[in-house]
Amino acid sequence: MKITVNGTATDVRAQTLAAALGELGYGGAKVATAVNENFIPAAAREETDLAPGDRVEIVAPRQGG
């Protein structure tokens, strides 16, 4: 299915946000996620279904000072 990940059209086979993160290489990473501008906590990713055209944002924390 075609979704948009961080502004880039992407094809995934995954049906849930958690599975999509794994497919995209973020499986064990500490990231923040949103689907269609709605924040999705880590505990809800397994139950968050994706649909064609969904907009997914994946943000990794940064260190700095």
PDB file of N, CA and C in Angstrom:
ATOM      1  N   MET A   1       0.840  -1.161   0.000  1.00  0.00           N
ATOM      2  CA  MET A   1       0.000   0.000   0.000  1.00  0.00           C
ATOM      3  C   MET A   1       0.889   1.230   0.000  1.00  0.00           C
ATOM      4  N   LYS A   2       0.432   2.288  -0.600  1.00  0.00           N
ATOM      5  CA  LYS A   2       1.209   3.520  -0.680  1.00  0.00           C
ATOM      6  C   LYS A   2       0.787   4.455   0.444  1.00  0.00           C
ATOM      7  N   ILE A   3       1.775   4.847   1.267  1.00  0.00           N
ATOM      8  CA  ILE A   3       1.577   5.836   2.320  1.00  0.00           C
ATOM      9  C   ILE A   3       2.661   6.897   2.143  1.00  0.00           C
ATOM     10  N   THR A   4       2.556   7.969   2.890  1.00  0.00           N
ATOM     11  CA  THR A   4       3.591   8.999   2.873  1.00  0.00           C
ATOM     12  C   THR A   4       4.313   8.958   4.204  1.00  0.00           C
ATOM     13  N   VAL A   5       5.635   8.786   4.161  1.00  0.00           N
ATOM     14  CA  VAL A   5       6.454   8.726   5.366  1.00  0.00           C
ATOM     15  C   VAL A   5       7.403   9.921   5.354  1.00  0.00           C
ATOM     16  N   ASN A   6       7.241  10.788   6.334  1.00  0.00           N
ATOM     17  CA  ASN A   6       8.076  11.995   6.433  1.00  0.00           C
ATOM     18  C   ASN A   6       8.128  12.751   5.108  1.00  0.00           C
ATOM     19  N   GLY A   7       6.973  12.845   4.456  1.00  0.00           N
ATOM     20  CA  GLY A   7       6.864  13.619   3.227  1.00  0.00           C
ATOM     21  C   GLY A   7       7.220  12.886   1.948  1.00  0.00           C
ATOM     22  N   THR A   8       7.590  11.612   2.044  1.00  0.00           N
ATOM     23  CA  THR A   8       8.001  10.846   0.865  1.00  0.00           C
ATOM     24  C   THR A   8       7.032   9.695   0.626  1.00  0.00           C
ATOM     25  N   ALA A   9       6.514   9.588  -0.584  1.00  0.00           N
ATOM     26  CA  ALA A   9       5.626   8.477  -0.933  1.00  0.00           C
ATOM     27  C   ALA A   9       6.398   7.168  -0.793  1.00  0.00           C
ATOM     28  N   THR A  10       5.805   6.213  -0.079  1.00  0.00           N
ATOM     29  CA  THR A  10       6.481   4.957   0.243  1.00  0.00           C
ATOM     30  C   THR A  10       5.500   3.804   0.115  1.00  0.00           C
ATOM     31  N   ASP A  11       5.944   2.696  -0.454  1.00  0.00           N
ATOM     32  CA  ASP A  11       5.130   1.479  -0.521  1.00  0.00           C
ATOM     33  C   ASP A  11       5.505   0.572   0.637  1.00  0.00           C
ATOM     34  N   VAL A  12       4.494   0.105   1.378  1.00  0.00           N
ATOM     35  CA  VAL A  12       4.716  -0.842   2.467  1.00  0.00           C
ATOM     36  C   VAL A  12       3.720  -1.982   2.352  1.00  0.00           C
ATOM     37  N   ARG A  13       4.096  -3.138   2.895  1.00  0.00           N
ATOM     38  CA  ARG A  13       3.178  -4.274   2.962  1.00  0.00           C
ATOM     39  C   ARG A  13       2.452  -4.302   4.295  1.00  0.00           C
ATOM     40  N   ALA A  14       2.996  -3.609   5.277  1.00  0.00           N
ATOM     41  CA  ALA A  14       2.474  -3.613   6.639  1.00  0.00           C
ATOM     42  C   ALA A  14       1.053  -3.069   6.699  1.00  0.00           C
ATOM     43  N   GLN A  15       0.289  -3.606   7.645  1.00  0.00           N
ATOM     44  CA  GLN A  15      -1.088  -3.148   7.855  1.00  0.00           C
ATOM     45  C   GLN A  15      -1.230  -2.294   9.111  1.00  0.00           C
ATOM     46  N   THR A  16      -0.215  -2.355  10.015  1.00  0.00           N
ATOM     47  CA  THR A  16      -0.260  -1.562  11.242  1.00  0.00           C
ATOM     48  C   THR A  16       0.957  -0.652  11.303  1.00  0.00           C
ATOM     49  N   LEU A  17       0.859   0.354  12.154  1.00  0.00           N
ATOM     50  CA  LEU A  17       1.981   1.265  12.322  1.00  0.00           C
ATOM     51  C   LEU A  17       3.205   0.534  12.854  1.00  0.00           C
ATOM     52  N   ALA A  18       3.028  -0.353  13.820  1.00  0.00           N
ATOM     53  CA  ALA A  18       4.155  -1.098  14.378  1.00  0.00           C
ATOM     54  C   ALA A  18       4.850  -1.927  13.298  1.00  0.00           C
ATOM     55  N   ALA A  19       4.081  -2.598  12.475  1.00  0.00           N
ATOM     56  CA  ALA A  19       4.667  -3.410  11.408  1.00  0.00           C
ATOM     57  C   ALA A  19       5.370  -2.528  10.374  1.00  0.00           C
ATOM     58  N   ALA A  20       4.808  -1.373  10.078  1.00  0.00           N
ATOM     59  CA  ALA A  20       5.439  -0.456   9.126  1.00  0.00           C
ATOM     60  C   ALA A  20       6.771   0.046   9.672  1.00  0.00           C
ATOM     61  N   LEU A  21       6.823   0.362  10.959  1.00  0.00           N
ATOM     62  CA  LEU A  21       8.086   0.792  11.555  1.00  0.00           C
ATOM     63  C   LEU A  21       9.150  -0.286  11.413  1.00  0.00           C
ATOM     64  N   GLY A  22       8.770  -1.533  11.656  1.00  0.00           N
ATOM     65  CA  GLY A  22       9.709  -2.638  11.483  1.00  0.00           C
ATOM     66  C   GLY A  22      10.167  -2.776  10.046  1.00  0.00           C
ATOM     67  N   GLU A  23       9.220  -2.684   9.129  1.00  0.00           N
ATOM     68  CA  GLU A  23       9.535  -2.813   7.700  1.00  0.00           C
ATOM     69  C   GLU A  23      10.459  -1.691   7.221  1.00  0.00           C
ATOM     70  N   LEU A  24      10.307  -0.510   7.811  1.00  0.00           N
ATOM     71  CA  LEU A  24      11.104   0.647   7.398  1.00  0.00           C
ATOM     72  C   LEU A  24      12.424   0.764   8.150  1.00  0.00           C
ATOM     73  N   GLY A  25      12.713  -0.201   9.040  1.00  0.00           N
ATOM     74  CA  GLY A  25      13.989  -0.208   9.730  1.00  0.00           C
ATOM     75  C   GLY A  25      14.003   0.507  11.067  1.00  0.00           C
ATOM     76  N   TYR A  26      12.835   0.835  11.603  1.00  0.00           N
ATOM     77  CA  TYR A  26      12.752   1.527  12.894  1.00  0.00           C
ATOM     78  C   TYR A  26      12.315   0.591  14.011  1.00  0.00           C
ATOM     79  N   GLY A  27      12.367  -0.708  13.805  1.00  0.00           N
ATOM     80  CA  GLY A  27      11.824  -1.669  14.746  1.00  0.00           C
ATOM     81  C   GLY A  27      12.164  -1.440  16.206  1.00  0.00           C
ATOM     82  N   GLY A  28      13.421  -1.315  16.549  1.00  0.00           N
ATOM     83  CA  GLY A  28      13.803  -1.157  17.939  1.00  0.00           C
ATOM     84  C   GLY A  28      14.161   0.269  18.320  1.00  0.00           C
ATOM     85  N   ALA A  29      13.986   1.194  17.394  1.00  0.00           N
ATOM     86  CA  ALA A  29      14.396   2.579  17.638  1.00  0.00           C
ATOM     87  C   ALA A  29      13.408   3.309  18.536  1.00  0.00           C
ATOM     88  N   LYS A  30      13.944   4.231  19.331  1.00  0.00           N
ATOM     89  CA  LYS A  30      13.108   5.115  20.151  1.00  0.00           C
ATOM     90  C   LYS A  30      12.708   6.296  19.273  1.00  0.00           C
ATOM     91  N   VAL A  31      11.478   6.289  18.807  1.00  0.00           N
ATOM     92  CA  VAL A  31      10.991   7.351  17.932  1.00  0.00           C
ATOM     93  C   VAL A  31       9.605   7.798  18.392  1.00  0.00           C
ATOM     94  N   ALA A  32       9.239   8.994  17.974  1.00  0.00           N
ATOM     95  CA  ALA A  32       7.875   9.484  18.151  1.00  0.00           C
ATOM     96  C   ALA A  32       7.165   9.308  16.816  1.00  0.00           C
ATOM     97  N   THR A  33       5.878   8.989  16.863  1.00  0.00           N
ATOM     98  CA  THR A  33       5.148   8.744  15.625  1.00  0.00           C
ATOM     99  C   THR A  33       3.822   9.505  15.606  1.00  0.00           C
ATOM    100  N   ALA A  34       3.409   9.852  14.403  1.00  0.00           N
ATOM    101  CA  ALA A  34       2.095  10.461  14.186  1.00  0.00           C
ATOM    102  C   ALA A  34       1.533   9.894  12.891  1.00  0.00           C
ATOM    103  N   VAL A  35       0.223   9.733  12.854  1.00  0.00           N
ATOM    104  CA  VAL A  35      -0.468   9.310  11.638  1.00  0.00           C
ATOM    105  C   VAL A  35      -1.537  10.355  11.360  1.00  0.00           C
ATOM    106  N   ASN A  36      -1.468  10.942  10.175  1.00  0.00           N
ATOM    107  CA  ASN A  36      -2.410  11.989   9.779  1.00  0.00           C
ATOM    108  C   ASN A  36      -2.485  13.095  10.828  1.00  0.00           C
ATOM    109  N   GLU A  37      -1.310  13.532  11.284  1.00  0.00           N
ATOM    110  CA  GLU A  37      -1.126  14.603  12.267  1.00  0.00           C
ATOM    111  C   GLU A  37      -1.614  14.266  13.676  1.00  0.00           C
ATOM    112  N   ASN A  38      -1.930  13.015  13.969  1.00  0.00           N
ATOM    113  CA  ASN A  38      -2.341  12.592  15.304  1.00  0.00           C
ATOM    114  C   ASN A  38      -1.219  11.782  15.944  1.00  0.00           C
ATOM    115  N   PHE A  39      -0.735  12.256  17.112  1.00  0.00           N
ATOM    116  CA  PHE A  39       0.326  11.553  17.830  1.00  0.00           C
ATOM    117  C   PHE A  39      -0.149  10.151  18.193  1.00  0.00           C
ATOM    118  N   ILE A  40       0.718   9.152  17.968  1.00  0.00           N
ATOM    119  CA  ILE A  40       0.417   7.759  18.319  1.00  0.00           C
ATOM    120  C   ILE A  40       1.460   7.303  19.331  1.00  0.00           C
ATOM    121  N   PRO A  41       1.045   7.065  20.591  1.00  0.00           N
ATOM    122  CA  PRO A  41       2.017   6.578  21.580  1.00  0.00           C
ATOM    123  C   PRO A  41       2.513   5.180  21.220  1.00  0.00           C
ATOM    124  N   ALA A  42       3.705   4.850  21.693  1.00  0.00           N
ATOM    125  CA  ALA A  42       4.311   3.553  21.380  1.00  0.00           C
ATOM    126  C   ALA A  42       3.387   2.395  21.734  1.00  0.00           C
ATOM    127  N   ALA A  43       2.680   2.490  22.846  1.00  0.00           N
ATOM    128  CA  ALA A  43       1.803   1.408  23.294  1.00  0.00           C
ATOM    129  C   ALA A  43       0.620   1.174  22.350  1.00  0.00           C
ATOM    130  N   ALA A  44       0.299   2.136  21.502  1.00  0.00           N
ATOM    131  CA  ALA A  44      -0.860   2.009  20.609  1.00  0.00           C
ATOM    132  C   ALA A  44      -0.486   1.644  19.177  1.00  0.00           C
ATOM    133  N   ARG A  45       0.779   1.489  18.892  1.00  0.00           N
ATOM    134  CA  ARG A  45       1.203   1.252  17.498  1.00  0.00           C
ATOM    135  C   ARG A  45       0.723  -0.078  16.939  1.00  0.00           C
ATOM    136  N   GLU A  46       0.679  -1.121  17.763  1.00  0.00           N
ATOM    137  CA  GLU A  46       0.212  -2.435  17.296  1.00  0.00           C
ATOM    138  C   GLU A  46      -1.247  -2.382  16.861  1.00  0.00           C
ATOM    139  N   GLU A  47      -2.047  -1.542  17.514  1.00  0.00           N
ATOM    140  CA  GLU A  47      -3.480  -1.469  17.220  1.00  0.00           C
ATOM    141  C   GLU A  47      -3.815  -0.380  16.209  1.00  0.00           C
ATOM    142  N   THR A  48      -2.813   0.376  15.750  1.00  0.00           N
ATOM    143  CA  THR A  48      -3.061   1.467  14.816  1.00  0.00           C
ATOM    144  C   THR A  48      -2.958   0.954  13.390  1.00  0.00           C
ATOM    145  N   ASP A  49      -4.121   0.780  12.753  1.00  0.00           N
ATOM    146  CA  ASP A  49      -4.161   0.301  11.371  1.00  0.00           C
ATOM    147  C   ASP A  49      -3.810   1.441  10.420  1.00  0.00           C
ATOM    148  N   LEU A  50      -3.146   1.078   9.342  1.00  0.00           N
ATOM    149  CA  LEU A  50      -2.826   2.036   8.289  1.00  0.00           C
ATOM    150  C   LEU A  50      -3.739   1.803   7.091  1.00  0.00           C
ATOM    151  N   ALA A  51      -3.985   2.873   6.352  1.00  0.00           N
ATOM    152  CA  ALA A  51      -4.792   2.799   5.138  1.00  0.00           C
ATOM    153  C   ALA A  51      -4.034   3.502   4.023  1.00  0.00           C
ATOM    154  N   PRO A  52      -4.291   3.109   2.767  1.00  0.00           N
ATOM    155  CA  PRO A  52      -3.617   3.786   1.663  1.00  0.00           C
ATOM    156  C   PRO A  52      -3.824   5.298   1.757  1.00  0.00           C
ATOM    157  N   GLY A  53      -2.741   6.036   1.543  1.00  0.00           N
ATOM    158  CA  GLY A  53      -2.811   7.490   1.578  1.00  0.00           C
ATOM    159  C   GLY A  53      -2.522   8.100   2.935  1.00  0.00           C
ATOM    160  N   ASP A  54      -2.383   7.274   3.987  1.00  0.00           N
ATOM    161  CA  ASP A  54      -2.075   7.817   5.310  1.00  0.00           C
ATOM    162  C   ASP A  54      -0.739   8.546   5.280  1.00  0.00           C
ATOM    163  N   ARG A  55      -0.646   9.571   6.129  1.00  0.00           N
ATOM    164  CA  ARG A  55       0.579  10.344   6.272  1.00  0.00           C
ATOM    165  C   ARG A  55       1.199   9.995   7.623  1.00  0.00           C
ATOM    166  N   VAL A  56       2.378   9.396   7.579  1.00  0.00           N
ATOM    167  CA  VAL A  56       3.080   8.951   8.787  1.00  0.00           C
ATOM    168  C   VAL A  56       4.311   9.832   8.985  1.00  0.00           C
ATOM    169  N   GLU A  57       4.462  10.329  10.212  1.00  0.00           N
ATOM    170  CA  GLU A  57       5.662  11.088  10.574  1.00  0.00           C
ATOM    171  C   GLU A  57       6.414  10.272  11.629  1.00  0.00           C
ATOM    172  N   ILE A  58       7.717  10.130  11.432  1.00  0.00           N
ATOM    173  CA  ILE A  58       8.587   9.406  12.352  1.00  0.00           C
ATOM    174  C   ILE A  58       9.705  10.375  12.735  1.00  0.00           C
ATOM    175  N   VAL A  59       9.808  10.653  14.044  1.00  0.00           N
ATOM    176  CA  VAL A  59      10.789  11.621  14.520  1.00  0.00           C
ATOM    177  C   VAL A  59      11.664  10.951  15.571  1.00  0.00           C
ATOM    178  N   ALA A  60      12.975  11.004  15.355  1.00  0.00           N
ATOM    179  CA  ALA A  60      13.931  10.457  16.317  1.00  0.00           C
ATOM    180  C   ALA A  60      14.405  11.596  17.221  1.00  0.00           C
ATOM    181  N   PRO A  61      14.572  11.317  18.520  1.00  0.00           N
ATOM    182  CA  PRO A  61      15.074  12.362  19.425  1.00  0.00           C
ATOM    183  C   PRO A  61      16.513  12.744  19.073  1.00  0.00           C
ATOM    184  N   ARG A  62      16.854  13.976  19.383  1.00  0.00           N
ATOM    185  CA  ARG A  62      18.216  14.466  19.106  1.00  0.00           C
ATOM    186  C   ARG A  62      18.849  14.936  20.392  1.00  0.00           C
ATOM    187  N   GLN A  63      20.137  14.767  20.481  1.00  0.00           N
ATOM    188  CA  GLN A  63      20.887  15.292  21.618  1.00  0.00           C
ATOM    189  C   GLN A  63      21.652  16.514  21.157  1.00  0.00           C
ATOM    190  N   GLY A  64      21.875  17.374  22.072  1.00  0.00           N
ATOM    191  CA  GLY A  64      22.645  18.562  21.725  1.00  0.00           C
ATOM    192  C   GLY A  64      22.623  19.547  22.876  1.00  0.00           C
ATOM    193  N   GLY A  65      23.254  20.629  22.657  1.00  0.00           N
ATOM    194  CA  GLY A  65      23.273  21.602  23.731  1.00  0.00           C
ATOM    195  C   GLY A  65      23.665  22.949  23.233  1.00  0.00           C
TER     196      GLY A  65
END
